[in-house]
């Protein structure tokens, strides 16, 4: 493998790894967003339940 071809393979692999990292980061952000949304919903339910119990 010539140096130019090796360099091109390295550039392509680096690009692939960056795309995989970006996809993984988006998946983690989406997952943490869903967890935050669920926690918010649970908090609202507990607040509503507390208001009903004290009334």
C-alpha atoms as a PDB file:
ATOM      1  CA  UNK A   1       0.000   0.000   0.000  1.00  0.00           C
ATOM      2  CA  UNK A   2       1.469   3.306  -1.056  1.00  0.00           C
ATOM      3  CA  UNK A   3       1.710   6.246   1.319  1.00  0.00           C
ATOM      4  CA  UNK A   4      -1.003   8.202  -0.510  1.00  0.00           C
ATOM      5  CA  UNK A   5      -3.430   5.286  -0.340  1.00  0.00           C
ATOM      6  CA  UNK A   6      -2.621   4.690   3.330  1.00  0.00           C
ATOM      7  CA  UNK A   7      -3.189   8.365   4.088  1.00  0.00           C
ATOM      8  CA  UNK A   8      -6.565   8.269   2.304  1.00  0.00           C
ATOM      9  CA  UNK A   9      -7.598   5.163   4.276  1.00  0.00           C
ATOM     10  CA  UNK A  10      -6.653   6.954   7.518  1.00  0.00           C
ATOM     11  CA  UNK A  11      -8.717  10.003   6.556  1.00  0.00           C
ATOM     12  CA  UNK A  12     -11.727   7.844   5.649  1.00  0.00           C
ATOM     13  CA  UNK A  13     -11.486   5.882   8.912  1.00  0.00           C
ATOM     14  CA  UNK A  14     -11.220   9.077  10.953  1.00  0.00           C
ATOM     15  CA  UNK A  15     -14.349  10.395   9.243  1.00  0.00           C
ATOM     16  CA  UNK A  16     -16.213   7.154   9.962  1.00  0.00           C
ATOM     17  CA  UNK A  17     -15.203   7.269  13.630  1.00  0.00           C
ATOM     18  CA  UNK A  18     -16.314  10.899  13.934  1.00  0.00           C
ATOM     19  CA  UNK A  19     -19.709  10.035  12.422  1.00  0.00           C
ATOM     20  CA  UNK A  20     -20.106   7.086  14.816  1.00  0.00           C
ATOM     21  CA  UNK A  21     -19.204   9.300  17.762  1.00  0.00           C
ATOM     22  CA  UNK A  22     -21.731  11.919  16.678  1.00  0.00           C
ATOM     23  CA  UNK A  23     -24.463   9.278  16.345  1.00  0.00           C
ATOM     24  CA  UNK A  24     -23.611   7.881  19.771  1.00  0.00           C
ATOM     25  CA  UNK A  25     -23.668  11.371  21.287  1.00  0.00           C
ATOM     26  CA  UNK A  26     -27.095  12.085  19.738  1.00  0.00           C
ATOM     27  CA  UNK A  27     -28.434   8.799  21.085  1.00  0.00           C
ATOM     28  CA  UNK A  28     -27.185   9.580  24.604  1.00  0.00           C
ATOM     29  CA  UNK A  29     -28.660  13.091  24.457  1.00  0.00           C
ATOM     30  CA  UNK A  30     -32.010  11.720  23.305  1.00  0.00           C
ATOM     31  CA  UNK A  31     -31.979   9.125  26.069  1.00  0.00           C
ATOM     32  CA  UNK A  32     -31.169  11.686  28.752  1.00  0.00           C
ATOM     33  CA  UNK A  33     -33.899  13.963  27.355  1.00  0.00           C
ATOM     34  CA  UNK A  34     -36.449  11.159  27.631  1.00  0.00           C
ATOM     35  CA  UNK A  35     -35.377  10.442  31.200  1.00  0.00           C
ATOM     36  CA  UNK A  36     -35.706  14.120  32.118  1.00  0.00           C
ATOM     37  CA  UNK A  37     -39.145  14.240  30.509  1.00  0.00           C
ATOM     38  CA  UNK A  38     -40.246  11.149  32.443  1.00  0.00           C
ATOM     39  CA  UNK A  39     -38.932  12.584  35.712  1.00  0.00           C
ATOM     40  CA  UNK A  40     -40.828  15.800  35.035  1.00  0.00           C
ATOM     41  CA  UNK A  41     -44.032  13.842  34.430  1.00  0.00           C
ATOM     42  CA  UNK A  42     -43.569  11.826  37.618  1.00  0.00           C
ATOM     43  CA  UNK A  43     -42.969  15.017  39.583  1.00  0.00           C
ATOM     44  CA  UNK A  44     -46.200  16.525  38.241  1.00  0.00           C
ATOM     45  CA  UNK A  45     -48.137  13.381  39.128  1.00  0.00           C
ATOM     46  CA  UNK A  46     -46.760  13.388  42.670  1.00  0.00           C
ATOM     47  CA  UNK A  47     -47.590  17.076  43.034  1.00  0.00           C
ATOM     48  CA  UNK A  48     -51.155  16.506  41.838  1.00  0.00           C
ATOM     49  CA  UNK A  49     -51.559  13.515  44.127  1.00  0.00           C
ATOM     50  CA  UNK A  50     -50.292  15.531  47.079  1.00  0.00           C
ATOM     51  CA  UNK A  51     -52.783  18.299  46.339  1.00  0.00           C
ATOM     52  CA  UNK A  52     -55.641  15.794  46.168  1.00  0.00           C
ATOM     53  CA  UNK A  53     -54.647  14.123  49.435  1.00  0.00           C
ATOM     54  CA  UNK A  54     -54.430  17.380  51.374  1.00  0.00           C
ATOM     55  CA  UNK A  55     -57.718  18.765  50.030  1.00  0.00           C
END
